[in-house]
């Protein structure tokens, strides 16, 4: 673990442009990627499942559960629809956006609060890691969406 920390610190010194969006001015591409993520989140909270699905490429993969990727569009739509029933509210505690040409990665710690139809309060948190690709029209869509990126850290401890 010490070696991984040292490696990450060395990367931070060599590549200062990898700093969080809040620490640096974002490029237009970074802003566009962040807007794509925020639009998807807003659509999900508003139960606009068509808007959520429009945030993803047609063959995108989402991990609703750690280690269980889902790539079939009808199943993705069904999962998002089911999850919207608990009225989720998401908050991010920061955003990091890295763009290389037409590929981008968005990393963000998140918390979610929700309430089931019978009134039970729920809460979750995690680390979202999403890979996006620039589309022919210049927009960004998610290709891989893993909201459970922190799972590996918990397993390593």
N, C-alpha and C. Protein backbone atom coordinates (compact mmCIF):
# COMPACT_ATOMS: atom_id res chain seq x y z
N UNK A 1 0.82 -1.19 0.00
CA UNK A 1 0.00 0.00 0.00
C UNK A 1 0.87 1.26 0.00
N UNK A 2 2.03 1.21 0.70
CA UNK A 2 2.93 2.36 0.72
C UNK A 2 3.40 2.70 -0.68
N UNK A 3 3.67 1.66 -1.49
CA UNK A 3 4.16 1.90 -2.84
C UNK A 3 3.09 2.56 -3.70
N UNK A 4 1.85 2.14 -3.53
CA UNK A 4 0.76 2.74 -4.30
C UNK A 4 0.61 4.22 -3.95
N UNK A 5 0.72 4.55 -2.67
CA UNK A 5 0.61 5.94 -2.24
C UNK A 5 1.74 6.76 -2.83
N UNK A 6 2.95 6.24 -2.77
CA UNK A 6 4.10 6.96 -3.32
C UNK A 6 3.93 7.16 -4.82
N UNK A 7 3.44 6.14 -5.51
CA UNK A 7 3.22 6.23 -6.95
C UNK A 7 2.18 7.32 -7.25
N UNK A 8 1.08 7.35 -6.49
CA UNK A 8 0.06 8.36 -6.71
C UNK A 8 0.58 9.77 -6.43
N UNK A 9 1.39 9.91 -5.39
CA UNK A 9 1.97 11.22 -5.08
C UNK A 9 2.90 11.67 -6.20
N UNK A 10 3.69 10.75 -6.73
CA UNK A 10 4.58 11.09 -7.84
C UNK A 10 3.77 11.53 -9.05
N UNK A 11 2.66 10.83 -9.34
CA UNK A 11 1.80 11.23 -10.44
C UNK A 11 1.24 12.63 -10.23
N UNK A 12 0.84 12.92 -9.01
CA UNK A 12 0.28 14.24 -8.71
C UNK A 12 1.30 15.35 -8.95
N UNK A 13 2.56 15.06 -8.67
CA UNK A 13 3.61 16.06 -8.89
C UNK A 13 3.95 16.22 -10.36
N UNK A 14 3.96 15.10 -11.08
CA UNK A 14 4.32 15.13 -12.49
C UNK A 14 3.17 15.64 -13.36
N UNK A 15 1.93 15.31 -12.97
CA UNK A 15 0.77 15.67 -13.77
C UNK A 15 -0.18 16.54 -12.97
N UNK A 16 0.17 17.79 -12.72
CA UNK A 16 -0.70 18.65 -11.92
C UNK A 16 -2.06 18.90 -12.57
N UNK A 17 -2.21 18.68 -13.88
CA UNK A 17 -3.51 18.90 -14.53
C UNK A 17 -4.53 17.87 -14.09
N UNK A 18 -4.13 16.86 -13.32
CA UNK A 18 -5.07 15.87 -12.82
C UNK A 18 -5.72 16.33 -11.52
N UNK A 19 -5.46 17.54 -11.09
CA UNK A 19 -6.07 18.06 -9.87
C UNK A 19 -7.58 18.12 -10.04
N UNK A 20 -8.29 18.16 -8.93
CA UNK A 20 -9.74 18.18 -9.00
C UNK A 20 -10.23 19.45 -9.69
N UNK A 21 -11.42 19.36 -10.24
CA UNK A 21 -11.99 20.48 -10.98
C UNK A 21 -12.10 21.72 -10.11
N UNK A 22 -12.35 21.53 -8.82
CA UNK A 22 -12.48 22.68 -7.94
C UNK A 22 -11.16 23.40 -7.73
N UNK A 23 -10.03 22.72 -7.95
CA UNK A 23 -8.72 23.31 -7.72
C UNK A 23 -8.16 24.01 -8.95
N UNK A 24 -8.70 23.74 -10.11
CA UNK A 24 -8.18 24.33 -11.34
C UNK A 24 -9.33 24.80 -12.22
N UNK A 25 -9.00 25.62 -13.19
CA UNK A 25 -10.00 25.99 -14.17
C UNK A 25 -10.21 24.80 -15.10
N UNK A 26 -11.46 24.52 -15.37
CA UNK A 26 -11.78 23.40 -16.24
C UNK A 26 -11.74 23.83 -17.70
N UNK A 27 -11.31 22.92 -18.55
CA UNK A 27 -11.39 23.17 -19.99
C UNK A 27 -12.85 23.04 -20.43
N UNK A 28 -13.14 23.43 -21.64
CA UNK A 28 -14.50 23.28 -22.16
C UNK A 28 -14.91 21.81 -22.19
N UNK A 29 -13.99 20.93 -22.61
CA UNK A 29 -14.29 19.50 -22.63
C UNK A 29 -14.62 18.99 -21.22
N UNK A 30 -13.83 19.38 -20.23
CA UNK A 30 -14.10 18.94 -18.86
C UNK A 30 -15.46 19.44 -18.39
N UNK A 31 -15.76 20.69 -18.70
CA UNK A 31 -17.06 21.26 -18.33
C UNK A 31 -18.20 20.50 -19.01
N UNK A 32 -18.03 20.17 -20.28
CA UNK A 32 -19.06 19.44 -21.01
C UNK A 32 -19.27 18.04 -20.41
N UNK A 33 -18.19 17.38 -20.02
CA UNK A 33 -18.30 16.06 -19.39
C UNK A 33 -19.03 16.18 -18.06
N UNK A 34 -18.64 17.14 -17.25
CA UNK A 34 -19.29 17.35 -15.97
C UNK A 34 -20.78 17.66 -16.16
N UNK A 35 -21.10 18.47 -17.15
CA UNK A 35 -22.50 18.77 -17.43
C UNK A 35 -23.28 17.53 -17.84
N UNK A 36 -22.65 16.64 -18.59
CA UNK A 36 -23.32 15.38 -18.98
C UNK A 36 -23.65 14.55 -17.75
N UNK A 37 -22.73 14.48 -16.79
CA UNK A 37 -22.95 13.73 -15.55
C UNK A 37 -24.07 14.39 -14.74
N UNK A 38 -24.00 15.70 -14.61
CA UNK A 38 -25.00 16.42 -13.81
C UNK A 38 -26.39 16.33 -14.45
N UNK A 39 -26.46 16.35 -15.77
CA UNK A 39 -27.74 16.21 -16.45
C UNK A 39 -28.33 14.83 -16.20
N UNK A 40 -27.50 13.79 -16.29
CA UNK A 40 -27.99 12.44 -16.02
C UNK A 40 -28.51 12.35 -14.59
N UNK A 41 -27.75 12.87 -13.63
CA UNK A 41 -28.15 12.81 -12.22
C UNK A 41 -29.47 13.54 -12.01
N UNK A 42 -29.60 14.72 -12.59
CA UNK A 42 -30.83 15.50 -12.47
C UNK A 42 -32.02 14.76 -13.08
N UNK A 43 -31.81 14.19 -14.26
CA UNK A 43 -32.87 13.42 -14.90
C UNK A 43 -33.30 12.24 -14.04
N UNK A 44 -32.34 11.57 -13.43
CA UNK A 44 -32.66 10.42 -12.58
C UNK A 44 -33.47 10.86 -11.37
N UNK A 45 -33.04 11.93 -10.73
CA UNK A 45 -33.77 12.43 -9.57
C UNK A 45 -35.18 12.89 -9.94
N UNK A 46 -35.36 13.36 -11.18
CA UNK A 46 -36.67 13.81 -11.66
C UNK A 46 -37.50 12.67 -12.25
N UNK A 47 -36.97 11.45 -12.19
CA UNK A 47 -37.63 10.25 -12.73
C UNK A 47 -37.85 10.33 -14.24
N UNK A 48 -36.97 11.06 -14.93
CA UNK A 48 -37.00 11.16 -16.38
C UNK A 48 -36.10 10.05 -16.93
N UNK A 49 -36.65 8.86 -17.01
CA UNK A 49 -35.84 7.69 -17.40
C UNK A 49 -35.39 7.80 -18.85
N UNK A 50 -36.21 8.37 -19.73
CA UNK A 50 -35.77 8.57 -21.12
C UNK A 50 -34.56 9.49 -21.15
N UNK A 51 -34.56 10.53 -20.32
CA UNK A 51 -33.40 11.43 -20.23
C UNK A 51 -32.18 10.73 -19.67
N UNK A 52 -32.39 9.85 -18.70
CA UNK A 52 -31.29 9.07 -18.14
C UNK A 52 -30.69 8.19 -19.24
N UNK A 53 -31.53 7.48 -19.94
CA UNK A 53 -31.04 6.55 -20.97
C UNK A 53 -30.33 7.30 -22.09
N UNK A 54 -30.74 8.54 -22.37
CA UNK A 54 -30.09 9.34 -23.41
C UNK A 54 -28.68 9.75 -23.00
N UNK A 55 -28.34 9.60 -21.72
CA UNK A 55 -27.00 9.93 -21.22
C UNK A 55 -25.98 8.83 -21.50
N UNK A 56 -26.45 7.69 -21.98
CA UNK A 56 -25.61 6.52 -22.19
C UNK A 56 -25.56 6.15 -23.66
N UNK A 57 -24.42 5.59 -24.09
CA UNK A 57 -24.35 4.99 -25.41
C UNK A 57 -25.25 3.76 -25.43
N UNK A 58 -25.65 3.33 -26.60
CA UNK A 58 -26.60 2.22 -26.72
C UNK A 58 -26.08 0.91 -26.13
N UNK A 59 -24.79 0.72 -26.09
CA UNK A 59 -24.22 -0.52 -25.54
C UNK A 59 -23.44 -0.25 -24.25
N UNK A 60 -23.89 0.73 -23.49
CA UNK A 60 -23.21 1.10 -22.25
C UNK A 60 -23.34 0.00 -21.20
N UNK A 61 -22.41 0.02 -20.25
CA UNK A 61 -22.42 -0.92 -19.13
C UNK A 61 -22.53 -0.13 -17.83
N UNK A 62 -23.48 -0.54 -16.97
CA UNK A 62 -23.69 0.08 -15.67
C UNK A 62 -23.61 -1.01 -14.61
N UNK A 63 -22.97 -0.69 -13.50
CA UNK A 63 -22.89 -1.62 -12.38
C UNK A 63 -23.84 -1.14 -11.29
N UNK A 64 -25.05 -1.68 -11.27
CA UNK A 64 -26.00 -1.31 -10.24
C UNK A 64 -25.61 -1.96 -8.91
N UNK A 65 -24.93 -3.10 -9.01
CA UNK A 65 -24.38 -3.80 -7.86
C UNK A 65 -22.90 -4.04 -8.14
N UNK A 66 -22.04 -3.98 -7.12
CA UNK A 66 -20.61 -4.21 -7.35
C UNK A 66 -20.37 -5.56 -8.04
N UNK A 67 -19.56 -5.52 -9.07
CA UNK A 67 -19.16 -6.74 -9.77
C UNK A 67 -20.23 -7.35 -10.64
N UNK A 68 -21.36 -6.64 -10.86
CA UNK A 68 -22.45 -7.19 -11.67
C UNK A 68 -22.81 -6.21 -12.80
N UNK A 69 -22.04 -6.23 -13.89
CA UNK A 69 -22.30 -5.30 -14.99
C UNK A 69 -23.59 -5.64 -15.74
N UNK A 70 -24.32 -4.60 -16.14
CA UNK A 70 -25.53 -4.75 -16.94
C UNK A 70 -25.32 -3.92 -18.20
N UNK A 71 -25.55 -4.54 -19.37
CA UNK A 71 -25.32 -3.84 -20.63
C UNK A 71 -26.53 -3.84 -21.56
N UNK A 72 -27.55 -4.61 -21.27
CA UNK A 72 -28.73 -4.69 -22.12
C UNK A 72 -29.63 -3.49 -21.86
N UNK A 73 -29.95 -2.72 -22.91
CA UNK A 73 -30.67 -1.45 -22.75
C UNK A 73 -32.00 -1.61 -22.02
N UNK A 74 -32.78 -2.63 -22.34
CA UNK A 74 -34.08 -2.82 -21.68
C UNK A 74 -33.89 -3.09 -20.19
N UNK A 75 -32.87 -3.85 -19.85
CA UNK A 75 -32.61 -4.13 -18.44
C UNK A 75 -32.11 -2.88 -17.72
N UNK A 76 -31.28 -2.07 -18.38
CA UNK A 76 -30.83 -0.81 -17.80
C UNK A 76 -32.03 0.09 -17.51
N UNK A 77 -32.91 0.22 -18.47
CA UNK A 77 -34.10 1.06 -18.29
C UNK A 77 -34.96 0.54 -17.13
N UNK A 78 -35.12 -0.76 -17.05
CA UNK A 78 -35.91 -1.36 -15.97
C UNK A 78 -35.26 -1.09 -14.61
N UNK A 79 -33.94 -1.21 -14.53
CA UNK A 79 -33.23 -0.97 -13.27
C UNK A 79 -33.36 0.49 -12.85
N UNK A 80 -33.15 1.42 -13.78
CA UNK A 80 -33.28 2.85 -13.44
C UNK A 80 -34.71 3.17 -13.01
N UNK A 81 -35.70 2.61 -13.70
CA UNK A 81 -37.09 2.85 -13.34
C UNK A 81 -37.38 2.35 -11.93
N UNK A 82 -36.92 1.14 -11.63
CA UNK A 82 -37.12 0.59 -10.30
C UNK A 82 -36.44 1.41 -9.21
N UNK A 83 -35.22 1.84 -9.48
CA UNK A 83 -34.48 2.64 -8.50
C UNK A 83 -35.11 4.01 -8.28
N UNK A 84 -35.75 4.55 -9.31
CA UNK A 84 -36.35 5.88 -9.17
C UNK A 84 -37.53 5.86 -8.20
N UNK A 85 -38.09 4.69 -7.93
CA UNK A 85 -39.23 4.58 -7.01
C UNK A 85 -38.87 4.97 -5.58
N UNK A 86 -37.59 4.96 -5.24
CA UNK A 86 -37.20 5.33 -3.87
C UNK A 86 -36.86 6.81 -3.76
N UNK A 87 -37.12 7.56 -4.82
CA UNK A 87 -36.90 9.02 -4.81
C UNK A 87 -35.48 9.40 -4.37
N UNK A 88 -34.47 8.91 -5.09
CA UNK A 88 -33.09 9.18 -4.67
C UNK A 88 -32.70 10.65 -4.86
N UNK A 89 -31.89 11.14 -3.92
CA UNK A 89 -31.30 12.47 -4.02
C UNK A 89 -29.79 12.27 -3.88
N UNK A 90 -29.04 12.68 -4.89
CA UNK A 90 -27.60 12.49 -4.90
C UNK A 90 -26.88 13.81 -4.62
N UNK A 91 -25.79 13.70 -3.89
CA UNK A 91 -24.90 14.83 -3.68
C UNK A 91 -23.48 14.35 -3.95
N UNK A 92 -22.72 15.19 -4.63
CA UNK A 92 -21.31 14.89 -4.90
C UNK A 92 -20.46 15.77 -4.02
N UNK A 93 -19.35 15.22 -3.51
CA UNK A 93 -18.46 16.04 -2.67
C UNK A 93 -17.22 16.48 -3.42
N UNK A 94 -17.27 16.43 -4.73
CA UNK A 94 -16.17 16.86 -5.58
C UNK A 94 -16.24 16.13 -6.91
N UNK A 95 -15.55 16.67 -7.88
CA UNK A 95 -15.53 16.06 -9.22
C UNK A 95 -14.11 16.14 -9.76
N UNK A 96 -13.68 15.07 -10.35
CA UNK A 96 -12.43 15.08 -11.10
C UNK A 96 -12.77 14.62 -12.51
N UNK A 97 -12.37 15.39 -13.49
CA UNK A 97 -12.64 15.06 -14.88
C UNK A 97 -11.32 15.08 -15.64
N UNK A 98 -11.03 13.98 -16.29
CA UNK A 98 -9.81 13.87 -17.08
C UNK A 98 -10.24 13.54 -18.51
N UNK A 99 -9.75 14.32 -19.46
CA UNK A 99 -10.11 14.14 -20.86
C UNK A 99 -8.85 13.86 -21.66
N UNK A 100 -8.93 12.86 -22.52
CA UNK A 100 -7.86 12.55 -23.46
C UNK A 100 -8.51 12.33 -24.81
N UNK A 101 -8.49 13.35 -25.66
CA UNK A 101 -9.13 13.25 -26.98
C UNK A 101 -10.63 13.10 -26.83
N UNK A 102 -11.15 11.98 -27.34
CA UNK A 102 -12.59 11.74 -27.32
C UNK A 102 -13.03 10.82 -26.18
N UNK A 103 -12.14 10.56 -25.23
CA UNK A 103 -12.44 9.71 -24.07
C UNK A 103 -12.25 10.54 -22.81
N UNK A 104 -13.14 10.34 -21.85
CA UNK A 104 -13.04 11.07 -20.58
C UNK A 104 -13.39 10.13 -19.43
N UNK A 105 -12.87 10.46 -18.27
CA UNK A 105 -13.23 9.76 -17.06
C UNK A 105 -13.69 10.80 -16.04
N UNK A 106 -14.76 10.47 -15.36
CA UNK A 106 -15.31 11.32 -14.31
C UNK A 106 -15.25 10.51 -13.01
N UNK A 107 -14.67 11.10 -11.98
CA UNK A 107 -14.54 10.44 -10.68
C UNK A 107 -15.13 11.37 -9.63
N UNK A 108 -16.02 10.82 -8.80
CA UNK A 108 -16.66 11.68 -7.81
C UNK A 108 -17.18 10.87 -6.63
N UNK A 109 -16.85 11.28 -5.40
CA UNK A 109 -17.49 10.68 -4.23
C UNK A 109 -18.94 11.16 -4.17
N UNK A 110 -19.85 10.27 -3.78
CA UNK A 110 -21.26 10.63 -3.75
C UNK A 110 -21.94 10.07 -2.50
N UNK A 111 -23.03 10.72 -2.16
CA UNK A 111 -23.94 10.18 -1.14
C UNK A 111 -25.34 10.23 -1.73
N UNK A 112 -26.16 9.29 -1.31
CA UNK A 112 -27.54 9.22 -1.79
C UNK A 112 -28.44 9.02 -0.59
N UNK A 113 -29.49 9.81 -0.53
CA UNK A 113 -30.54 9.59 0.45
C UNK A 113 -31.81 9.29 -0.33
N UNK A 114 -32.67 8.47 0.27
CA UNK A 114 -33.89 8.08 -0.43
C UNK A 114 -34.93 7.66 0.60
N UNK A 115 -36.13 7.51 0.10
CA UNK A 115 -37.21 7.04 0.95
C UNK A 115 -38.04 6.05 0.14
N UNK A 116 -38.23 4.86 0.69
CA UNK A 116 -39.03 3.84 0.02
C UNK A 116 -40.50 4.27 0.02
N UNK A 117 -41.29 3.66 -0.85
CA UNK A 117 -42.72 4.01 -0.87
C UNK A 117 -43.42 3.85 0.49
N UNK A 118 -42.91 2.94 1.33
CA UNK A 118 -43.53 2.76 2.66
C UNK A 118 -42.91 3.66 3.72
N UNK A 119 -42.02 4.59 3.32
CA UNK A 119 -41.49 5.60 4.23
C UNK A 119 -40.16 5.29 4.86
N UNK A 120 -39.57 4.13 4.58
CA UNK A 120 -38.27 3.79 5.15
C UNK A 120 -37.17 4.65 4.51
N UNK A 121 -36.34 5.26 5.37
CA UNK A 121 -35.25 6.09 4.87
C UNK A 121 -34.03 5.23 4.56
N UNK A 122 -33.40 5.54 3.45
CA UNK A 122 -32.21 4.82 3.00
C UNK A 122 -31.06 5.80 2.80
N UNK A 123 -29.85 5.30 2.90
CA UNK A 123 -28.67 6.10 2.61
C UNK A 123 -27.55 5.22 2.11
N UNK A 124 -26.83 5.71 1.15
CA UNK A 124 -25.67 5.01 0.60
C UNK A 124 -24.63 6.05 0.22
N UNK A 125 -23.41 5.57 0.06
CA UNK A 125 -22.34 6.43 -0.44
C UNK A 125 -21.38 5.58 -1.24
N UNK A 126 -20.57 6.23 -2.04
CA UNK A 126 -19.61 5.49 -2.84
C UNK A 126 -18.72 6.43 -3.64
N UNK A 127 -18.00 5.84 -4.56
CA UNK A 127 -17.13 6.58 -5.47
C UNK A 127 -17.55 6.24 -6.88
N UNK A 128 -18.06 7.22 -7.58
CA UNK A 128 -18.49 7.03 -8.96
C UNK A 128 -17.30 7.14 -9.89
N UNK A 129 -17.19 6.17 -10.78
CA UNK A 129 -16.17 6.21 -11.83
C UNK A 129 -16.91 5.96 -13.14
N UNK A 130 -16.92 6.96 -14.00
CA UNK A 130 -17.65 6.86 -15.27
C UNK A 130 -16.70 7.18 -16.42
N UNK A 131 -16.78 6.36 -17.46
CA UNK A 131 -16.03 6.59 -18.69
C UNK A 131 -17.01 7.11 -19.73
N UNK A 132 -16.65 8.21 -20.36
CA UNK A 132 -17.51 8.82 -21.37
C UNK A 132 -16.77 8.92 -22.69
N UNK A 133 -17.56 8.98 -23.78
CA UNK A 133 -16.98 9.14 -25.11
C UNK A 133 -17.69 10.30 -25.81
N UNK A 134 -16.89 11.11 -26.50
CA UNK A 134 -17.46 12.21 -27.28
C UNK A 134 -18.19 11.60 -28.48
N UNK A 135 -19.39 12.09 -28.72
CA UNK A 135 -20.21 11.62 -29.83
C UNK A 135 -19.94 12.46 -31.07
N UNK A 136 -20.42 12.00 -32.21
CA UNK A 136 -20.21 12.72 -33.46
C UNK A 136 -20.75 14.15 -33.42
N UNK A 137 -21.81 14.39 -32.62
CA UNK A 137 -22.39 15.73 -32.51
C UNK A 137 -21.67 16.60 -31.47
N UNK A 138 -20.61 16.07 -30.85
CA UNK A 138 -19.84 16.82 -29.86
C UNK A 138 -20.28 16.60 -28.43
N UNK A 139 -21.42 15.97 -28.22
CA UNK A 139 -21.89 15.69 -26.86
C UNK A 139 -21.09 14.52 -26.26
N UNK A 140 -21.25 14.34 -24.97
CA UNK A 140 -20.57 13.25 -24.26
C UNK A 140 -21.61 12.29 -23.72
N UNK A 141 -21.36 10.99 -23.88
CA UNK A 141 -22.25 9.96 -23.33
C UNK A 141 -21.42 8.95 -22.57
N UNK A 142 -22.05 8.39 -21.55
CA UNK A 142 -21.37 7.38 -20.74
C UNK A 142 -21.31 6.05 -21.48
N UNK A 143 -20.16 5.40 -21.33
CA UNK A 143 -19.92 4.08 -21.90
C UNK A 143 -19.87 3.06 -20.76
N UNK A 144 -19.26 3.44 -19.65
CA UNK A 144 -19.16 2.61 -18.44
C UNK A 144 -19.50 3.50 -17.26
N UNK A 145 -20.36 3.00 -16.38
CA UNK A 145 -20.77 3.75 -15.19
C UNK A 145 -20.70 2.82 -13.99
N UNK A 146 -19.72 3.06 -13.14
CA UNK A 146 -19.53 2.25 -11.95
C UNK A 146 -19.61 3.13 -10.71
N UNK A 147 -20.77 3.18 -10.04
CA UNK A 147 -20.89 3.99 -8.84
C UNK A 147 -20.28 3.33 -7.60
N UNK A 148 -19.71 2.14 -7.77
CA UNK A 148 -19.17 1.40 -6.63
C UNK A 148 -17.65 1.28 -6.67
N UNK A 149 -16.98 2.32 -7.17
CA UNK A 149 -15.53 2.30 -7.31
C UNK A 149 -14.78 2.19 -6.00
N UNK A 150 -15.40 2.60 -4.90
CA UNK A 150 -14.70 2.54 -3.60
C UNK A 150 -14.71 1.13 -3.02
N UNK A 151 -15.45 0.23 -3.61
CA UNK A 151 -15.53 -1.15 -3.11
C UNK A 151 -14.15 -1.78 -2.97
N UNK A 152 -13.29 -1.56 -3.91
CA UNK A 152 -11.97 -2.18 -3.87
C UNK A 152 -11.12 -1.65 -2.72
N UNK A 153 -11.31 -0.38 -2.36
CA UNK A 153 -10.58 0.16 -1.23
C UNK A 153 -11.00 -0.52 0.08
N UNK A 154 -12.30 -0.73 0.22
CA UNK A 154 -12.80 -1.39 1.44
C UNK A 154 -12.30 -2.83 1.53
N UNK A 155 -12.20 -3.50 0.39
CA UNK A 155 -11.72 -4.89 0.37
C UNK A 155 -10.23 -4.97 0.68
N UNK A 156 -9.49 -3.91 0.37
CA UNK A 156 -8.03 -3.91 0.57
C UNK A 156 -7.65 -3.71 2.03
N UNK A 157 -8.57 -3.17 2.82
CA UNK A 157 -8.24 -2.85 4.22
C UNK A 157 -8.33 -4.06 5.11
